[in-house]
């Protein structure tokens, strides 16, 4: 019995190693694809030679998003080692294309008031890198929710993904309204704290959208109602969590003062704000 258990454990370890190797191969492809989609950017040069922290943070979000897409193929029941690896390859390539597109979306739509590429590569604006990484990670969450249910690529997946982009845009607009400062203005001024807080809101919204999309498809009308309901909860969550951070977690200071009204913005306070958004979204998905 013991020998059989040991042999089974060895078999599971070897299978796990195959999955890990497949993941790293896809991540290597993702790195190469990034250079193809973003001409003129040398990934190794930015990370190693220039020590560009802004770019590194953005890349962390990008690779983490790819891992979430791959995780969707492994989270459910296995279809066998060979089929699982094939699915990882297919979903991984789809994720690479869509996440690189999401970075373009961030530049042109989510943060339209300045050039995101310039801020990250030339100015090394960490706040901008955090936001771009959060959008990529958030899209990875959305694709995780979609692929975990669909188990195959279809036009429906693209509809979900594009819908998620517009929900991101709406959430960004509303977040800018509920905060007493212009997030674009302060992020462009290299205010990392503002970028961190905003990124927490993006990931929180993405997590709730992921939860809504992971339900079994029973028709577009039902999906639309569920998505609108859950998204409304996400939007209500943002000002609520911000108020709770102000009143409970930072009772002796105003969150706005800590983030924008001092010479050195308080990134720690922004991390608490971001964690409140993300934590609130997790609690909501557990309760619904």
C-alpha atoms as a PDB file:
ATOM      1  CA  UNK A   1       0.000   0.000   0.000  1.00  0.00           C
ATOM      2  CA  UNK A   2       2.759   2.432   0.963  1.00  0.00           C
ATOM      3  CA  UNK A   3       4.714   1.636  -2.199  1.00  0.00           C
ATOM      4  CA  UNK A   4       1.613   2.201  -4.320  1.00  0.00           C
ATOM      5  CA  UNK A   5       1.053   5.573  -2.648  1.00  0.00           C
ATOM      6  CA  UNK A   6       4.668   6.562  -3.252  1.00  0.00           C
ATOM      7  CA  UNK A   7       4.435   5.544  -6.912  1.00  0.00           C
ATOM      8  CA  UNK A   8       1.189   7.539  -7.247  1.00  0.00           C
ATOM      9  CA  UNK A   9       2.849  10.586  -5.674  1.00  0.00           C
ATOM     10  CA  UNK A  10       5.804  10.282  -8.062  1.00  0.00           C
ATOM     11  CA  UNK A  11       3.390  10.056 -10.996  1.00  0.00           C
ATOM     12  CA  UNK A  12       1.546  13.192  -9.810  1.00  0.00           C
ATOM     13  CA  UNK A  13       4.847  15.058  -9.413  1.00  0.00           C
ATOM     14  CA  UNK A  14       5.935  14.111 -12.936  1.00  0.00           C
ATOM     15  CA  UNK A  15       2.576  15.221 -14.363  1.00  0.00           C
ATOM     16  CA  UNK A  16       2.875  18.471 -12.426  1.00  0.00           C
ATOM     17  CA  UNK A  17       6.337  19.031 -13.884  1.00  0.00           C
ATOM     18  CA  UNK A  18       4.925  18.646 -17.397  1.00  0.00           C
ATOM     19  CA  UNK A  19       2.314  21.305 -16.631  1.00  0.00           C
ATOM     20  CA  UNK A  20       4.961  23.624 -15.173  1.00  0.00           C
ATOM     21  CA  UNK A  21       7.226  23.197 -18.217  1.00  0.00           C
ATOM     22  CA  UNK A  22       4.254  23.882 -20.515  1.00  0.00           C
ATOM     23  CA  UNK A  23       3.495  27.048 -18.532  1.00  0.00           C
ATOM     24  CA  UNK A  24       7.050  28.343 -18.884  1.00  0.00           C
ATOM     25  CA  UNK A  25       7.065  27.611 -22.614  1.00  0.00           C
ATOM     26  CA  UNK A  26       3.878  29.647 -23.012  1.00  0.00           C
ATOM     27  CA  UNK A  27       5.318  32.448 -20.850  1.00  0.00           C
ATOM     28  CA  UNK A  28       8.392  32.482 -23.112  1.00  0.00           C
ATOM     29  CA  UNK A  29       6.063  32.804 -26.102  1.00  0.00           C
ATOM     30  CA  UNK A  30       4.243  35.597 -24.265  1.00  0.00           C
ATOM     31  CA  UNK A  31       7.524  37.433 -23.799  1.00  0.00           C
ATOM     32  CA  UNK A  32       8.371  37.119 -27.485  1.00  0.00           C
ATOM     33  CA  UNK A  33       4.836  38.138 -28.486  1.00  0.00           C
ATOM     34  CA  UNK A  34       5.076  41.261 -26.330  1.00  0.00           C
ATOM     35  CA  UNK A  35       8.031  42.423 -28.411  1.00  0.00           C
ATOM     36  CA  UNK A  36       6.065  41.734 -31.601  1.00  0.00           C
ATOM     37  CA  UNK A  37       2.983  43.646 -30.447  1.00  0.00           C
ATOM     38  CA  UNK A  38       4.996  46.518 -28.956  1.00  0.00           C
ATOM     39  CA  UNK A  39       7.605  47.419 -31.538  1.00  0.00           C
ATOM     40  CA  UNK A  40      10.670  49.239 -30.299  1.00  0.00           C
ATOM     41  CA  UNK A  41      10.526  47.844 -26.755  1.00  0.00           C
ATOM     42  CA  UNK A  42      13.309  45.471 -25.731  1.00  0.00           C
ATOM     43  CA  UNK A  43      11.980  43.486 -22.764  1.00  0.00           C
ATOM     44  CA  UNK A  44      15.392  42.315 -21.528  1.00  0.00           C
ATOM     45  CA  UNK A  45      16.885  45.788 -21.890  1.00  0.00           C
ATOM     46  CA  UNK A  46      14.086  47.438 -19.882  1.00  0.00           C
ATOM     47  CA  UNK A  47      14.141  44.826 -17.120  1.00  0.00           C
ATOM     48  CA  UNK A  48      17.868  44.158 -16.721  1.00  0.00           C
ATOM     49  CA  UNK A  49      19.904  46.958 -18.270  1.00  0.00           C
ATOM     50  CA  UNK A  50      17.678  49.937 -17.451  1.00  0.00           C
ATOM     51  CA  UNK A  51      16.158  48.479 -14.245  1.00  0.00           C
ATOM     52  CA  UNK A  52      12.815  49.991 -15.268  1.00  0.00           C
ATOM     53  CA  UNK A  53      10.543  49.341 -12.271  1.00  0.00           C
ATOM     54  CA  UNK A  54       7.483  50.736 -14.049  1.00  0.00           C
ATOM     55  CA  UNK A  55       7.915  48.285 -16.915  1.00  0.00           C
ATOM     56  CA  UNK A  56       8.604  45.427 -14.497  1.00  0.00           C
ATOM     57  CA  UNK A  57       5.353  46.052 -12.615  1.00  0.00           C
ATOM     58  CA  UNK A  58       3.434  46.123 -15.892  1.00  0.00           C
ATOM     59  CA  UNK A  59       5.052  42.838 -16.931  1.00  0.00           C
ATOM     60  CA  UNK A  60       4.115  41.201 -13.623  1.00  0.00           C
ATOM     61  CA  UNK A  61       0.462  41.983 -14.347  1.00  0.00           C
ATOM     62  CA  UNK A  62       0.822  40.709 -17.921  1.00  0.00           C
ATOM     63  CA  UNK A  63       2.431  37.382 -16.979  1.00  0.00           C
ATOM     64  CA  UNK A  64       0.059  36.900 -14.038  1.00  0.00           C
ATOM     65  CA  UNK A  65      -2.856  37.422 -16.407  1.00  0.00           C
ATOM     66  CA  UNK A  66      -1.458  34.751 -18.734  1.00  0.00           C
ATOM     67  CA  UNK A  67      -1.130  32.355 -15.778  1.00  0.00           C
ATOM     68  CA  UNK A  68      -4.768  32.950 -14.866  1.00  0.00           C
ATOM     69  CA  UNK A  69      -5.789  32.029 -18.408  1.00  0.00           C
ATOM     70  CA  UNK A  70      -3.718  28.844 -18.169  1.00  0.00           C
ATOM     71  CA  UNK A  71      -5.212  28.134 -14.766  1.00  0.00           C
ATOM     72  CA  UNK A  72      -8.663  27.953 -16.320  1.00  0.00           C
ATOM     73  CA  UNK A  73      -7.572  24.844 -18.228  1.00  0.00           C
ATOM     74  CA  UNK A  74      -6.310  23.138 -15.065  1.00  0.00           C
ATOM     75  CA  UNK A  75      -8.953  24.219 -12.545  1.00  0.00           C
ATOM     76  CA  UNK A  76     -11.631  21.809 -13.738  1.00  0.00           C
ATOM     77  CA  UNK A  77     -11.670  18.084 -14.411  1.00  0.00           C
ATOM     78  CA  UNK A  78      -8.638  16.877 -16.350  1.00  0.00           C
ATOM     79  CA  UNK A  79      -9.150  15.714 -19.921  1.00  0.00           C
ATOM     80  CA  UNK A  80      -5.913  13.779 -19.823  1.00  0.00           C
ATOM     81  CA  UNK A  81      -2.346  15.072 -19.840  1.00  0.00           C
ATOM     82  CA  UNK A  82      -2.035  15.471 -23.610  1.00  0.00           C
ATOM     83  CA  UNK A  83      -5.405  17.203 -24.032  1.00  0.00           C
ATOM     84  CA  UNK A  84      -4.715  19.470 -21.052  1.00  0.00           C
ATOM     85  CA  UNK A  85      -1.384  20.587 -22.527  1.00  0.00           C
ATOM     86  CA  UNK A  86      -3.034  21.213 -25.913  1.00  0.00           C
ATOM     87  CA  UNK A  87      -5.741  23.281 -24.199  1.00  0.00           C
ATOM     88  CA  UNK A  88      -3.068  25.238 -22.336  1.00  0.00           C
ATOM     89  CA  UNK A  89      -1.401  26.040 -25.641  1.00  0.00           C
ATOM     90  CA  UNK A  90      -4.625  27.154 -27.329  1.00  0.00           C
ATOM     91  CA  UNK A  91      -5.907  29.210 -24.407  1.00  0.00           C
ATOM     92  CA  UNK A  92      -2.451  30.590 -23.737  1.00  0.00           C
ATOM     93  CA  UNK A  93      -2.113  31.927 -27.290  1.00  0.00           C
ATOM     94  CA  UNK A  94      -5.595  33.452 -27.121  1.00  0.00           C
ATOM     95  CA  UNK A  95      -4.740  35.055 -23.786  1.00  0.00           C
ATOM     96  CA  UNK A  96      -1.478  36.460 -25.157  1.00  0.00           C
ATOM     97  CA  UNK A  97      -3.269  38.179 -28.040  1.00  0.00           C
ATOM     98  CA  UNK A  98      -6.114  39.543 -25.901  1.00  0.00           C
ATOM     99  CA  UNK A  99      -3.913  40.776 -23.044  1.00  0.00           C
ATOM    100  CA  UNK A 100      -1.593  42.586 -25.441  1.00  0.00           C
ATOM    101  CA  UNK A 101      -4.657  44.172 -27.012  1.00  0.00           C
ATOM    102  CA  UNK A 102      -5.841  45.198 -23.526  1.00  0.00           C
ATOM    103  CA  UNK A 103      -2.636  47.211 -23.103  1.00  0.00           C
ATOM    104  CA  UNK A 104      -3.523  49.166 -26.231  1.00  0.00           C
ATOM    105  CA  UNK A 105      -6.996  49.659 -24.728  1.00  0.00           C
ATOM    106  CA  UNK A 106      -5.427  51.018 -21.543  1.00  0.00           C
ATOM    107  CA  UNK A 107      -3.388  53.529 -23.518  1.00  0.00           C
ATOM    108  CA  UNK A 108      -6.178  54.751 -25.782  1.00  0.00           C
ATOM    109  CA  UNK A 109      -9.284  54.465 -23.607  1.00  0.00           C
ATOM    110  CA  UNK A 110      -8.673  53.826 -19.888  1.00  0.00           C
ATOM    111  CA  UNK A 111      -5.880  56.424 -19.560  1.00  0.00           C
ATOM    112  CA  UNK A 112      -6.479  58.555 -22.673  1.00  0.00           C
ATOM    113  CA  UNK A 113      -5.080  61.855 -21.394  1.00  0.00           C
ATOM    114  CA  UNK A 114      -1.433  60.870 -21.818  1.00  0.00           C
ATOM    115  CA  UNK A 115       0.771  58.390 -23.677  1.00  0.00           C
ATOM    116  CA  UNK A 116       1.036  55.260 -21.539  1.00  0.00           C
ATOM    117  CA  UNK A 117       4.010  53.887 -23.520  1.00  0.00           C
ATOM    118  CA  UNK A 118       5.947  57.104 -22.990  1.00  0.00           C
ATOM    119  CA  UNK A 119       5.106  57.205 -19.287  1.00  0.00           C
ATOM    120  CA  UNK A 120       6.295  53.637 -18.726  1.00  0.00           C
ATOM    121  CA  UNK A 121       9.315  53.440 -21.044  1.00  0.00           C
ATOM    122  CA  UNK A 122      10.694  56.983 -21.114  1.00  0.00           C
ATOM    123  CA  UNK A 123       9.470  58.516 -17.840  1.00  0.00           C
ATOM    124  CA  UNK A 124       9.468  55.220 -15.888  1.00  0.00           C
ATOM    125  CA  UNK A 125       6.214  56.243 -14.229  1.00  0.00           C
ATOM    126  CA  UNK A 126       5.515  53.438 -11.746  1.00  0.00           C
ATOM    127  CA  UNK A 127       1.914  54.580 -11.192  1.00  0.00           C
ATOM    128  CA  UNK A 128       1.173  54.076 -14.880  1.00  0.00           C
ATOM    129  CA  UNK A 129       2.914  50.691 -14.875  1.00  0.00           C
ATOM    130  CA  UNK A 130       0.789  49.570 -11.936  1.00  0.00           C
ATOM    131  CA  UNK A 131      -2.428  50.513 -13.756  1.00  0.00           C
ATOM    132  CA  UNK A 132      -1.412  48.778 -16.986  1.00  0.00           C
ATOM    133  CA  UNK A 133      -0.437  45.673 -15.037  1.00  0.00           C
ATOM    134  CA  UNK A 134      -3.752  45.756 -13.155  1.00  0.00           C
ATOM    135  CA  UNK A 135      -5.727  45.931 -16.406  1.00  0.00           C
ATOM    136  CA  UNK A 136      -3.815  42.916 -17.773  1.00  0.00           C
ATOM    137  CA  UNK A 137      -4.324  40.999 -14.527  1.00  0.00           C
ATOM    138  CA  UNK A 138      -8.000  41.968 -14.442  1.00  0.00           C
ATOM    139  CA  UNK A 139      -8.477  40.721 -17.985  1.00  0.00           C
ATOM    140  CA  UNK A 140      -6.783  37.493 -16.964  1.00  0.00           C
ATOM    141  CA  UNK A 141      -9.414  37.151 -14.225  1.00  0.00           C
ATOM    142  CA  UNK A 142     -12.213  37.725 -16.738  1.00  0.00           C
ATOM    143  CA  UNK A 143     -10.793  35.167 -19.164  1.00  0.00           C
ATOM    144  CA  UNK A 144     -10.351  32.708 -16.288  1.00  0.00           C
ATOM    145  CA  UNK A 145     -14.054  33.022 -15.508  1.00  0.00           C
ATOM    146  CA  UNK A 146     -15.019  32.609 -19.172  1.00  0.00           C
ATOM    147  CA  UNK A 147     -12.732  29.677 -20.040  1.00  0.00           C
ATOM    148  CA  UNK A 148     -13.508  27.825 -16.811  1.00  0.00           C
ATOM    149  CA  UNK A 149     -17.111  27.580 -18.038  1.00  0.00           C
ATOM    150  CA  UNK A 150     -16.791  27.547 -21.837  1.00  0.00           C
ATOM    151  CA  UNK A 151     -13.883  25.070 -22.038  1.00  0.00           C
ATOM    152  CA  UNK A 152     -13.488  26.099 -25.675  1.00  0.00           C
ATOM    153  CA  UNK A 153     -12.925  29.232 -27.728  1.00  0.00           C
ATOM    154  CA  UNK A 154     -15.986  30.698 -29.414  1.00  0.00           C
ATOM    155  CA  UNK A 155     -17.356  34.095 -30.514  1.00  0.00           C
ATOM    156  CA  UNK A 156     -19.082  34.154 -27.140  1.00  0.00           C
ATOM    157  CA  UNK A 157     -15.670  34.425 -25.469  1.00  0.00           C
ATOM    158  CA  UNK A 158     -14.831  37.536 -27.512  1.00  0.00           C
ATOM    159  CA  UNK A 159     -18.201  39.070 -26.635  1.00  0.00           C
ATOM    160  CA  UNK A 160     -17.518  38.484 -22.945  1.00  0.00           C
ATOM    161  CA  UNK A 161     -14.020  39.919 -23.242  1.00  0.00           C
ATOM    162  CA  UNK A 162     -15.077  43.059 -25.142  1.00  0.00           C
ATOM    163  CA  UNK A 163     -17.945  43.545 -22.722  1.00  0.00           C
ATOM    164  CA  UNK A 164     -15.447  43.395 -19.893  1.00  0.00           C
ATOM    165  CA  UNK A 165     -13.409  46.197 -21.492  1.00  0.00           C
ATOM    166  CA  UNK A 166     -16.396  48.516 -21.550  1.00  0.00           C
ATOM    167  CA  UNK A 167     -17.177  47.673 -17.929  1.00  0.00           C
ATOM    168  CA  UNK A 168     -13.545  48.568 -17.098  1.00  0.00           C
ATOM    169  CA  UNK A 169     -14.012  51.888 -18.867  1.00  0.00           C
ATOM    170  CA  UNK A 170     -17.251  52.629 -17.020  1.00  0.00           C
ATOM    171  CA  UNK A 171     -15.661  51.678 -13.686  1.00  0.00           C
ATOM    172  CA  UNK A 172     -12.688  53.982 -14.431  1.00  0.00           C
ATOM    173  CA  UNK A 173     -15.035  56.893 -15.160  1.00  0.00           C
ATOM    174  CA  UNK A 174     -17.037  56.295 -11.980  1.00  0.00           C
ATOM    175  CA  UNK A 175     -13.891  55.867  -9.873  1.00  0.00           C
ATOM    176  CA  UNK A 176     -12.651  59.232 -11.149  1.00  0.00           C
ATOM    177  CA  UNK A 177     -15.975  60.751 -10.050  1.00  0.00           C
ATOM    178  CA  UNK A 178     -15.981  59.310  -6.519  1.00  0.00           C
ATOM    179  CA  UNK A 179     -12.408  60.433  -5.834  1.00  0.00           C
ATOM    180  CA  UNK A 180     -11.948  64.149  -5.071  1.00  0.00           C
ATOM    181  CA  UNK A 181      -9.030  64.422  -7.503  1.00  0.00           C
ATOM    182  CA  UNK A 182      -8.344  63.713 -11.177  1.00  0.00           C
ATOM    183  CA  UNK A 183      -6.636  60.311 -11.351  1.00  0.00           C
ATOM    184  CA  UNK A 184      -5.201  61.020 -14.813  1.00  0.00           C
ATOM    185  CA  UNK A 185      -3.575  64.256 -13.675  1.00  0.00           C
ATOM    186  CA  UNK A 186      -1.939  62.700 -10.632  1.00  0.00           C
ATOM    187  CA  UNK A 187      -0.846  59.477 -12.331  1.00  0.00           C
ATOM    188  CA  UNK A 188       0.828  61.538 -15.057  1.00  0.00           C
ATOM    189  CA  UNK A 189       2.638  63.443 -12.283  1.00  0.00           C
ATOM    190  CA  UNK A 190       4.237  60.148 -11.189  1.00  0.00           C
ATOM    191  CA  UNK A 191       1.956  59.736  -8.162  1.00  0.00           C
ATOM    192  CA  UNK A 192       2.360  56.023  -7.515  1.00  0.00           C
ATOM    193  CA  UNK A 193      -0.209  56.076  -4.690  1.00  0.00           C
ATOM    194  CA  UNK A 194      -3.020  57.172  -7.024  1.00  0.00           C
ATOM    195  CA  UNK A 195      -2.086  54.436  -9.503  1.00  0.00           C
ATOM    196  CA  UNK A 196      -2.090  51.807  -6.738  1.00  0.00           C
ATOM    197  CA  UNK A 197      -5.520  52.828  -5.432  1.00  0.00           C
ATOM    198  CA  UNK A 198      -6.992  52.905  -8.923  1.00  0.00           C
ATOM    199  CA  UNK A 199      -5.465  49.512  -9.716  1.00  0.00           C
ATOM    200  CA  UNK A 200      -7.146  47.997  -6.679  1.00  0.00           C
ATOM    201  CA  UNK A 201     -10.500  49.257  -7.956  1.00  0.00           C
ATOM    202  CA  UNK A 202      -9.821  47.765 -11.421  1.00  0.00           C
ATOM    203  CA  UNK A 203      -8.949  44.333 -10.006  1.00  0.00           C
ATOM    204  CA  UNK A 204     -11.965  44.389  -7.674  1.00  0.00           C
ATOM    205  CA  UNK A 205     -14.344  45.139 -10.545  1.00  0.00           C
ATOM    206  CA  UNK A 206     -12.665  42.457 -12.697  1.00  0.00           C
ATOM    207  CA  UNK A 207     -13.071  39.889  -9.942  1.00  0.00           C
ATOM    208  CA  UNK A 208     -16.802  40.528  -9.678  1.00  0.00           C
ATOM    209  CA  UNK A 209     -17.180  40.482 -13.471  1.00  0.00           C
ATOM    210  CA  UNK A 210     -15.271  37.165 -13.466  1.00  0.00           C
ATOM    211  CA  UNK A 211     -17.735  35.813 -10.929  1.00  0.00           C
ATOM    212  CA  UNK A 212     -20.726  36.899 -13.015  1.00  0.00           C
ATOM    213  CA  UNK A 213     -19.310  35.389 -16.221  1.00  0.00           C
ATOM    214  CA  UNK A 214     -18.404  32.098 -14.565  1.00  0.00           C
ATOM    215  CA  UNK A 215     -22.094  31.214 -14.172  1.00  0.00           C
ATOM    216  CA  UNK A 216     -23.471  28.665 -16.610  1.00  0.00           C
ATOM    217  CA  UNK A 217     -24.766  30.343 -19.767  1.00  0.00           C
ATOM    218  CA  UNK A 218     -28.589  30.193 -19.897  1.00  0.00           C
ATOM    219  CA  UNK A 219     -29.261  32.909 -22.438  1.00  0.00           C
ATOM    220  CA  UNK A 220     -28.090  36.430 -23.197  1.00  0.00           C
ATOM    221  CA  UNK A 221     -30.940  38.062 -21.280  1.00  0.00           C
ATOM    222  CA  UNK A 222     -30.208  36.125 -18.102  1.00  0.00           C
ATOM    223  CA  UNK A 223     -26.483  36.756 -18.442  1.00  0.00           C
ATOM    224  CA  UNK A 224     -27.056  40.469 -19.002  1.00  0.00           C
ATOM    225  CA  UNK A 225     -29.215  40.765 -15.906  1.00  0.00           C
ATOM    226  CA  UNK A 226     -26.719  38.878 -13.751  1.00  0.00           C
ATOM    227  CA  UNK A 227     -23.820  40.912 -15.110  1.00  0.00           C
ATOM    228  CA  UNK A 228     -25.597  44.240 -14.566  1.00  0.00           C
ATOM    229  CA  UNK A 229     -26.602  43.243 -11.041  1.00  0.00           C
ATOM    230  CA  UNK A 230     -23.101  42.131 -10.054  1.00  0.00           C
ATOM    231  CA  UNK A 231     -21.513  45.161 -11.749  1.00  0.00           C
ATOM    232  CA  UNK A 232     -23.865  47.485  -9.852  1.00  0.00           C
ATOM    233  CA  UNK A 233     -22.685  45.818  -6.642  1.00  0.00           C
ATOM    234  CA  UNK A 234     -19.081  46.385  -7.715  1.00  0.00           C
ATOM    235  CA  UNK A 235     -19.726  50.084  -8.326  1.00  0.00           C
ATOM    236  CA  UNK A 236     -21.464  50.439  -4.961  1.00  0.00           C
ATOM    237  CA  UNK A 237     -18.481  48.698  -3.370  1.00  0.00           C
ATOM    238  CA  UNK A 238     -15.960  51.371  -4.421  1.00  0.00           C
ATOM    239  CA  UNK A 239     -17.252  54.405  -2.463  1.00  0.00           C
ATOM    240  CA  UNK A 240     -18.262  52.155   0.441  1.00  0.00           C
ATOM    241  CA  UNK A 241     -14.786  50.673   0.796  1.00  0.00           C
ATOM    242  CA  UNK A 242     -13.167  54.096   0.430  1.00  0.00           C
ATOM    243  CA  UNK A 243     -15.329  55.448   3.240  1.00  0.00           C
ATOM    244  CA  UNK A 244     -14.543  52.460   5.479  1.00  0.00           C
ATOM    245  CA  UNK A 245     -10.798  52.932   4.899  1.00  0.00           C
ATOM    246  CA  UNK A 246     -11.174  56.590   5.879  1.00  0.00           C
ATOM    247  CA  UNK A 247     -13.309  55.962   8.965  1.00  0.00           C
ATOM    248  CA  UNK A 248     -11.982  52.651  10.311  1.00  0.00           C
ATOM    249  CA  UNK A 249      -8.569  51.730   8.914  1.00  0.00           C
ATOM    250  CA  UNK A 250      -7.149  55.283   8.795  1.00  0.00           C
ATOM    251  CA  UNK A 251      -9.305  57.143  11.354  1.00  0.00           C
ATOM    252  CA  UNK A 252      -6.740  59.829  12.177  1.00  0.00           C
ATOM    253  CA  UNK A 253      -5.988  60.799   8.594  1.00  0.00           C
ATOM    254  CA  UNK A 254      -7.923  61.624   5.454  1.00  0.00           C
ATOM    255  CA  UNK A 255      -7.186  59.155   2.678  1.00  0.00           C
ATOM    256  CA  UNK A 256      -7.155  61.927   0.079  1.00  0.00           C
ATOM    257  CA  UNK A 257      -4.637  63.937   2.095  1.00  0.00           C
ATOM    258  CA  UNK A 258      -2.358  60.916   2.378  1.00  0.00           C
ATOM    259  CA  UNK A 259      -2.492  60.166  -1.345  1.00  0.00           C
ATOM    260  CA  UNK A 260      -2.409  63.568  -3.047  1.00  0.00           C
ATOM    261  CA  UNK A 261      -2.093  66.405  -0.521  1.00  0.00           C
ATOM    262  CA  UNK A 262       1.436  65.915   0.735  1.00  0.00           C
ATOM    263  CA  UNK A 263       4.898  66.240  -0.774  1.00  0.00           C
ATOM    264  CA  UNK A 264       5.487  62.494  -0.794  1.00  0.00           C
ATOM    265  CA  UNK A 265       2.291  60.542  -1.537  1.00  0.00           C
ATOM    266  CA  UNK A 266       1.644  57.740   0.934  1.00  0.00           C
ATOM    267  CA  UNK A 267       1.819  54.531  -1.097  1.00  0.00           C
ATOM    268  CA  UNK A 268       1.102  52.503   2.047  1.00  0.00           C
ATOM    269  CA  UNK A 269      -2.266  54.227   2.483  1.00  0.00           C
ATOM    270  CA  UNK A 270      -3.036  53.545  -1.183  1.00  0.00           C
ATOM    271  CA  UNK A 271      -2.177  49.860  -0.694  1.00  0.00           C
ATOM    272  CA  UNK A 272      -4.702  49.714   2.149  1.00  0.00           C
ATOM    273  CA  UNK A 273      -7.294  51.355  -0.105  1.00  0.00           C
ATOM    274  CA  UNK A 274      -6.556  48.887  -2.927  1.00  0.00           C
ATOM    275  CA  UNK A 275      -6.659  45.876  -0.596  1.00  0.00           C
ATOM    276  CA  UNK A 276     -10.027  47.054   0.749  1.00  0.00           C
ATOM    277  CA  UNK A 277     -11.473  47.107  -2.776  1.00  0.00           C
ATOM    278  CA  UNK A 278     -10.067  43.681  -3.657  1.00  0.00           C
ATOM    279  CA  UNK A 279     -10.962  42.151  -0.285  1.00  0.00           C
ATOM    280  CA  UNK A 280     -14.494  43.515  -0.545  1.00  0.00           C
ATOM    281  CA  UNK A 281     -14.895  41.973  -3.999  1.00  0.00           C
ATOM    282  CA  UNK A 282     -13.723  38.593  -2.696  1.00  0.00           C
ATOM    283  CA  UNK A 283     -16.198  38.730   0.196  1.00  0.00           C
ATOM    284  CA  UNK A 284     -19.022  39.610  -2.189  1.00  0.00           C
ATOM    285  CA  UNK A 285     -18.271  36.659  -4.488  1.00  0.00           C
ATOM    286  CA  UNK A 286     -18.261  34.375  -1.454  1.00  0.00           C
ATOM    287  CA  UNK A 287     -21.643  35.677  -0.325  1.00  0.00           C
ATOM    288  CA  UNK A 288     -23.478  35.717  -3.674  1.00  0.00           C
END
